Amino acid sequence: MEEGKKCPICGCKEIGKGRHYAQGSMFPLKGIFNTGSQVIADICTKCGHILSMRVKNPEKFKL
């Protein structure tokens, strides 16, 4: 559970984490052969609202 976060939809303070696999990965715009990164999301455990999304390895996106 994420401390200090609150769902803007239902007000729940129990926020979990989830991640995309396979086709859900994010890839850099430049470079065909670059490997991607998993996308991590903060998710409300009551209503399912996604509060935020970010890549696990942001360094892969430096130009």
PDB file of N, CA and C in Angstrom:
ATOM      1  N   MET A   1       0.836  -1.188   0.000  1.00  0.00           N
ATOM      2  CA  MET A   1       0.000   0.000   0.000  1.00  0.00           C
ATOM      3  C   MET A   1       0.877   1.246   0.000  1.00  0.00           C
ATOM      4  N   GLU A   2       0.507   2.219  -0.782  1.00  0.00           N
ATOM      5  CA  GLU A   2       1.237   3.479  -0.854  1.00  0.00           C
ATOM      6  C   GLU A   2       0.780   4.403   0.275  1.00  0.00           C
ATOM      7  N   GLU A   3       1.724   4.913   1.039  1.00  0.00           N
ATOM      8  CA  GLU A   3       1.411   5.823   2.130  1.00  0.00           C
ATOM      9  C   GLU A   3       1.162   7.234   1.595  1.00  0.00           C
ATOM     10  N   GLY A   4       0.152   7.903   2.140  1.00  0.00           N
ATOM     11  CA  GLY A   4      -0.100   9.297   1.814  1.00  0.00           C
ATOM     12  C   GLY A   4      -0.855   9.545   0.521  1.00  0.00           C
ATOM     13  N   LYS A   5      -1.184   8.503  -0.218  1.00  0.00           N
ATOM     14  CA  LYS A   5      -1.947   8.693  -1.456  1.00  0.00           C
ATOM     15  C   LYS A   5      -3.411   8.413  -1.186  1.00  0.00           C
ATOM     16  N   LYS A   6      -4.266   9.114  -1.932  1.00  0.00           N
ATOM     17  CA  LYS A   6      -5.712   8.970  -1.770  1.00  0.00           C
ATOM     18  C   LYS A   6      -6.365   9.016  -3.143  1.00  0.00           C
ATOM     19  N   CYS A   7      -7.307   8.122  -3.384  1.00  0.00           N
ATOM     20  CA  CYS A   7      -8.012   8.086  -4.664  1.00  0.00           C
ATOM     21  C   CYS A   7      -8.882   9.328  -4.833  1.00  0.00           C
ATOM     22  N   PRO A   8      -8.738  10.062  -5.939  1.00  0.00           N
ATOM     23  CA  PRO A   8      -9.556  11.251  -6.169  1.00  0.00           C
ATOM     24  C   PRO A   8     -11.005  10.911  -6.541  1.00  0.00           C
ATOM     25  N   ILE A   9     -11.276   9.665  -6.872  1.00  0.00           N
ATOM     26  CA  ILE A   9     -12.624   9.257  -7.274  1.00  0.00           C
ATOM     27  C   ILE A   9     -13.469   8.854  -6.068  1.00  0.00           C
ATOM     28  N   CYS A  10     -12.945   7.930  -5.237  1.00  0.00           N
ATOM     29  CA  CYS A  10     -13.754   7.397  -4.128  1.00  0.00           C
ATOM     30  C   CYS A  10     -13.213   7.739  -2.745  1.00  0.00           C
ATOM     31  N   GLY A  11     -12.012   8.328  -2.675  1.00  0.00           N
ATOM     32  CA  GLY A  11     -11.443   8.725  -1.398  1.00  0.00           C
ATOM     33  C   GLY A  11     -10.708   7.626  -0.651  1.00  0.00           C
ATOM     34  N   CYS A  12     -10.633   6.431  -1.216  1.00  0.00           N
ATOM     35  CA  CYS A  12      -9.957   5.305  -0.577  1.00  0.00           C
ATOM     36  C   CYS A  12      -8.465   5.609  -0.416  1.00  0.00           C
ATOM     37  N   LYS A  13      -7.904   5.196   0.717  1.00  0.00           N
ATOM     38  CA  LYS A  13      -6.475   5.416   0.965  1.00  0.00           C
ATOM     39  C   LYS A  13      -5.664   4.141   0.782  1.00  0.00           C
ATOM     40  N   GLU A  14      -6.304   3.067   0.390  1.00  0.00           N
ATOM     41  CA  GLU A  14      -5.591   1.812   0.139  1.00  0.00           C
ATOM     42  C   GLU A  14      -5.235   1.732  -1.342  1.00  0.00           C
ATOM     43  N   ILE A  15      -3.986   2.081  -1.637  1.00  0.00           N
ATOM     44  CA  ILE A  15      -3.504   2.149  -3.010  1.00  0.00           C
ATOM     45  C   ILE A  15      -2.499   1.022  -3.230  1.00  0.00           C
ATOM     46  N   GLY A  16      -2.755   0.195  -4.237  1.00  0.00           N
ATOM     47  CA  GLY A  16      -1.862  -0.905  -4.578  1.00  0.00           C
ATOM     48  C   GLY A  16      -1.046  -0.579  -5.816  1.00  0.00           C
ATOM     49  N   LYS A  17      -0.210  -1.518  -6.208  1.00  0.00           N
ATOM     50  CA  LYS A  17       0.628  -1.349  -7.398  1.00  0.00           C
ATOM     51  C   LYS A  17       0.333  -2.471  -8.381  1.00  0.00           C
ATOM     52  N   GLY A  18       0.447  -2.150  -9.660  1.00  0.00           N
ATOM     53  CA  GLY A  18       0.287  -3.145 -10.720  1.00  0.00           C
ATOM     54  C   GLY A  18       1.291  -2.855 -11.808  1.00  0.00           C
ATOM     55  N   ARG A  19       1.461  -3.807 -12.741  1.00  0.00           N
ATOM     56  CA  ARG A  19       2.388  -3.577 -13.852  1.00  0.00           C
ATOM     57  C   ARG A  19       1.897  -4.271 -15.104  1.00  0.00           C
ATOM     58  N   HIS A  20       2.276  -3.679 -16.239  1.00  0.00           N
ATOM     59  CA  HIS A  20       1.970  -4.243 -17.555  1.00  0.00           C
ATOM     60  C   HIS A  20       3.075  -5.218 -17.935  1.00  0.00           C
ATOM     61  N   TYR A  21       2.704  -6.246 -18.662  1.00  0.00           N
ATOM     62  CA  TYR A  21       3.678  -7.181 -19.230  1.00  0.00           C
ATOM     63  C   TYR A  21       3.524  -7.206 -20.746  1.00  0.00           C
ATOM     64  N   ALA A  22       4.525  -7.704 -21.420  1.00  0.00           N
ATOM     65  CA  ALA A  22       4.518  -7.936 -22.877  1.00  0.00           C
ATOM     66  C   ALA A  22       4.095  -6.689 -23.637  1.00  0.00           C
ATOM     67  N   GLN A  23       2.924  -6.691 -24.262  1.00  0.00           N
ATOM     68  CA  GLN A  23       2.484  -5.571 -25.100  1.00  0.00           C
ATOM     69  C   GLN A  23       2.274  -4.287 -24.291  1.00  0.00           C
ATOM     70  N   GLY A  24       2.209  -4.398 -22.991  1.00  0.00           N
ATOM     71  CA  GLY A  24       2.023  -3.230 -22.138  1.00  0.00           C
ATOM     72  C   GLY A  24       3.306  -2.474 -21.856  1.00  0.00           C
ATOM     73  N   SER A  25       4.427  -2.959 -22.357  1.00  0.00           N
ATOM     74  CA  SER A  25       5.702  -2.272 -22.130  1.00  0.00           C
ATOM     75  C   SER A  25       5.755  -0.973 -22.911  1.00  0.00           C
ATOM     76  N   MET A  26       6.562  -0.048 -22.424  1.00  0.00           N
ATOM     77  CA  MET A  26       6.781   1.228 -23.096  1.00  0.00           C
ATOM     78  C   MET A  26       8.138   1.154 -23.781  1.00  0.00           C
ATOM     79  N   PHE A  27       8.210   1.653 -25.018  1.00  0.00           N
ATOM     80  CA  PHE A  27       9.448   1.627 -25.789  1.00  0.00           C
ATOM     81  C   PHE A  27       9.823   3.041 -26.207  1.00  0.00           C
ATOM     82  N   PRO A  28      11.131   3.354 -26.283  1.00  0.00           N
ATOM     83  CA  PRO A  28      11.566   4.671 -26.746  1.00  0.00           C
ATOM     84  C   PRO A  28      11.113   4.913 -28.190  1.00  0.00           C
ATOM     85  N   LEU A  29      10.808   6.156 -28.524  1.00  0.00           N
ATOM     86  CA  LEU A  29      10.392   6.495 -29.887  1.00  0.00           C
ATOM     87  C   LEU A  29      11.512   6.267 -30.887  1.00  0.00           C
ATOM     88  N   LYS A  30      12.745   6.548 -30.495  1.00  0.00           N
ATOM     89  CA  LYS A  30      13.880   6.391 -31.402  1.00  0.00           C
ATOM     90  C   LYS A  30      14.568   5.066 -31.133  1.00  0.00           C
ATOM     91  N   GLY A  31      14.915   4.379 -32.165  1.00  0.00           N
ATOM     92  CA  GLY A  31      15.648   3.131 -32.022  1.00  0.00           C
ATOM     93  C   GLY A  31      14.744   1.918 -32.085  1.00  0.00           C
ATOM     94  N   ILE A  32      14.830   1.191 -33.170  1.00  0.00           N
ATOM     95  CA  ILE A  32      13.981   0.026 -33.388  1.00  0.00           C
ATOM     96  C   ILE A  32      14.340  -1.116 -32.451  1.00  0.00           C
ATOM     97  N   PHE A  33      15.613  -1.278 -32.139  1.00  0.00           N
ATOM     98  CA  PHE A  33      16.066  -2.440 -31.378  1.00  0.00           C
ATOM     99  C   PHE A  33      16.231  -2.178 -29.879  1.00  0.00           C
ATOM    100  N   ASN A  34      15.781  -1.019 -29.412  1.00  0.00           N
ATOM    101  CA  ASN A  34      15.868  -0.729 -27.982  1.00  0.00           C
ATOM    102  C   ASN A  34      14.897  -1.614 -27.210  1.00  0.00           C
ATOM    103  N   THR A  35      15.341  -2.052 -26.040  1.00  0.00           N
ATOM    104  CA  THR A  35      14.435  -2.811 -25.184  1.00  0.00           C
ATOM    105  C   THR A  35      13.550  -1.833 -24.434  1.00  0.00           C
ATOM    106  N   GLY A  36      12.377  -2.259 -24.111  1.00  0.00           N
ATOM    107  CA  GLY A  36      11.434  -1.394 -23.424  1.00  0.00           C
ATOM    108  C   GLY A  36      11.541  -1.504 -21.918  1.00  0.00           C
ATOM    109  N   SER A  37      10.542  -0.997 -21.244  1.00  0.00           N
ATOM    110  CA  SER A  37      10.490  -1.013 -19.793  1.00  0.00           C
ATOM    111  C   SER A  37       9.067  -1.317 -19.355  1.00  0.00           C
ATOM    112  N   GLN A  38       8.930  -2.049 -18.273  1.00  0.00           N
ATOM    113  CA  GLN A  38       7.605  -2.308 -17.728  1.00  0.00           C
ATOM    114  C   GLN A  38       6.969  -0.995 -17.298  1.00  0.00           C
ATOM    115  N   VAL A  39       5.647  -0.945 -17.354  1.00  0.00           N
ATOM    116  CA  VAL A  39       4.899   0.212 -16.883  1.00  0.00           C
ATOM    117  C   VAL A  39       4.302  -0.149 -15.528  1.00  0.00           C
ATOM    118  N   ILE A  40       4.588   0.669 -14.525  1.00  0.00           N
ATOM    119  CA  ILE A  40       4.110   0.457 -13.167  1.00  0.00           C
ATOM    120  C   ILE A  40       2.977   1.445 -12.892  1.00  0.00           C
ATOM    121  N   ALA A  41       1.902   0.968 -12.264  1.00  0.00           N
ATOM    122  CA  ALA A  41       0.751   1.825 -11.977  1.00  0.00           C
ATOM    123  C   ALA A  41       0.401   1.785 -10.496  1.00  0.00           C
ATOM    124  N   ASP A  42      -0.065   2.925  -9.976  1.00  0.00           N
ATOM    125  CA  ASP A  42      -0.657   3.000  -8.643  1.00  0.00           C
ATOM    126  C   ASP A  42      -2.171   2.912  -8.835  1.00  0.00           C
ATOM    127  N   ILE A  43      -2.807   1.944  -8.160  1.00  0.00           N
ATOM    128  CA  ILE A  43      -4.214   1.630  -8.421  1.00  0.00           C
ATOM    129  C   ILE A  43      -5.012   1.634  -7.118  1.00  0.00           C
ATOM    130  N   CYS A  44      -6.178   2.259  -7.147  1.00  0.00           N
ATOM    131  CA  CYS A  44      -7.088   2.244  -6.003  1.00  0.00           C
ATOM    132  C   CYS A  44      -7.623   0.822  -5.838  1.00  0.00           C
ATOM    133  N   THR A  45      -7.508   0.268  -4.616  1.00  0.00           N
ATOM    134  CA  THR A  45      -7.952  -1.102  -4.378  1.00  0.00           C
ATOM    135  C   THR A  45      -9.465  -1.198  -4.163  1.00  0.00           C
ATOM    136  N   LYS A  46     -10.144  -0.054  -4.121  1.00  0.00           N
ATOM    137  CA  LYS A  46     -11.602  -0.071  -3.942  1.00  0.00           C
ATOM    138  C   LYS A  46     -12.343   0.072  -5.274  1.00  0.00           C
ATOM    139  N   CYS A  47     -12.003   1.093  -6.054  1.00  0.00           N
ATOM    140  CA  CYS A  47     -12.745   1.345  -7.300  1.00  0.00           C
ATOM    141  C   CYS A  47     -11.952   1.023  -8.566  1.00  0.00           C
ATOM    142  N   GLY A  48     -10.623   0.783  -8.440  1.00  0.00           N
ATOM    143  CA  GLY A  48      -9.810   0.432  -9.603  1.00  0.00           C
ATOM    144  C   GLY A  48      -9.249   1.605 -10.377  1.00  0.00           C
ATOM    145  N   HIS A  49      -9.500   2.821  -9.921  1.00  0.00           N
ATOM    146  CA  HIS A  49      -8.971   4.002 -10.616  1.00  0.00           C
ATOM    147  C   HIS A  49      -7.439   3.967 -10.619  1.00  0.00           C
ATOM    148  N   ILE A  50      -6.828   4.286 -11.764  1.00  0.00           N
ATOM    149  CA  ILE A  50      -5.372   4.352 -11.873  1.00  0.00           C
ATOM    150  C   ILE A  50      -4.939   5.777 -11.550  1.00  0.00           C
ATOM    151  N   LEU A  51      -4.208   5.905 -10.437  1.00  0.00           N
ATOM    152  CA  LEU A  51      -3.779   7.229  -9.989  1.00  0.00           C
ATOM    153  C   LEU A  51      -2.591   7.740 -10.792  1.00  0.00           C
ATOM    154  N   SER A  52      -1.651   6.868 -11.113  1.00  0.00           N
ATOM    155  CA  SER A  52      -0.475   7.285 -11.882  1.00  0.00           C
ATOM    156  C   SER A  52       0.151   6.074 -12.560  1.00  0.00           C
ATOM    157  N   MET A  53       0.927   6.367 -13.593  1.00  0.00           N
ATOM    158  CA  MET A  53       1.669   5.332 -14.306  1.00  0.00           C
ATOM    159  C   MET A  53       3.074   5.866 -14.573  1.00  0.00           C
ATOM    160  N   ARG A  54       4.059   4.960 -14.507  1.00  0.00           N
ATOM    161  CA  ARG A  54       5.438   5.351 -14.790  1.00  0.00           C
ATOM    162  C   ARG A  54       6.207   4.126 -15.276  1.00  0.00           C
ATOM    163  N   VAL A  55       7.323   4.338 -15.940  1.00  0.00           N
ATOM    164  CA  VAL A  55       8.138   3.217 -16.401  1.00  0.00           C
ATOM    165  C   VAL A  55       9.099   2.804 -15.288  1.00  0.00           C
ATOM    166  N   LYS A  56       9.414   1.524 -15.255  1.00  0.00           N
ATOM    167  CA  LYS A  56      10.312   0.989 -14.232  1.00  0.00           C
ATOM    168  C   LYS A  56      11.748   1.454 -14.456  1.00  0.00           C
ATOM    169  N   ASN A  57      12.165   1.564 -15.731  1.00  0.00           N
ATOM    170  CA  ASN A  57      13.545   1.943 -16.066  1.00  0.00           C
ATOM    171  C   ASN A  57      13.571   3.213 -16.918  1.00  0.00           C
ATOM    172  N   PRO A  58      13.410   4.381 -16.314  1.00  0.00           N
ATOM    173  CA  PRO A  58      13.346   5.629 -17.093  1.00  0.00           C
ATOM    174  C   PRO A  58      14.637   5.965 -17.828  1.00  0.00           C
ATOM    175  N   GLU A  59      15.767   5.422 -17.377  1.00  0.00           N
ATOM    176  CA  GLU A  59      17.051   5.721 -18.045  1.00  0.00           C
ATOM    177  C   GLU A  59      17.082   5.226 -19.479  1.00  0.00           C
ATOM    178  N   LYS A  60      16.231   4.287 -19.830  1.00  0.00           N
ATOM    179  CA  LYS A  60      16.194   3.761 -21.203  1.00  0.00           C
ATOM    180  C   LYS A  60      15.629   4.781 -22.198  1.00  0.00           C
ATOM    181  N   PHE A  61      15.093   5.880 -21.710  1.00  0.00           N
ATOM    182  CA  PHE A  61      14.446   6.854 -22.573  1.00  0.00           C
ATOM    183  C   PHE A  61      15.267   8.124 -22.765  1.00  0.00           C
ATOM    184  N   LYS A  62      16.506   8.130 -22.270  1.00  0.00           N
ATOM    185  CA  LYS A  62      17.380   9.281 -22.492  1.00  0.00           C
ATOM    186  C   LYS A  62      17.785   9.318 -23.957  1.00  0.00           C
ATOM    187  N   LEU A  63      17.843  10.517 -24.511  1.00  0.00           N
ATOM    188  CA  LEU A  63      18.206  10.685 -25.919  1.00  0.00           C
ATOM    189  C   LEU A  63      19.690  10.590 -26.121  1.00  0.00           C
TER     190      LEU A  63
END
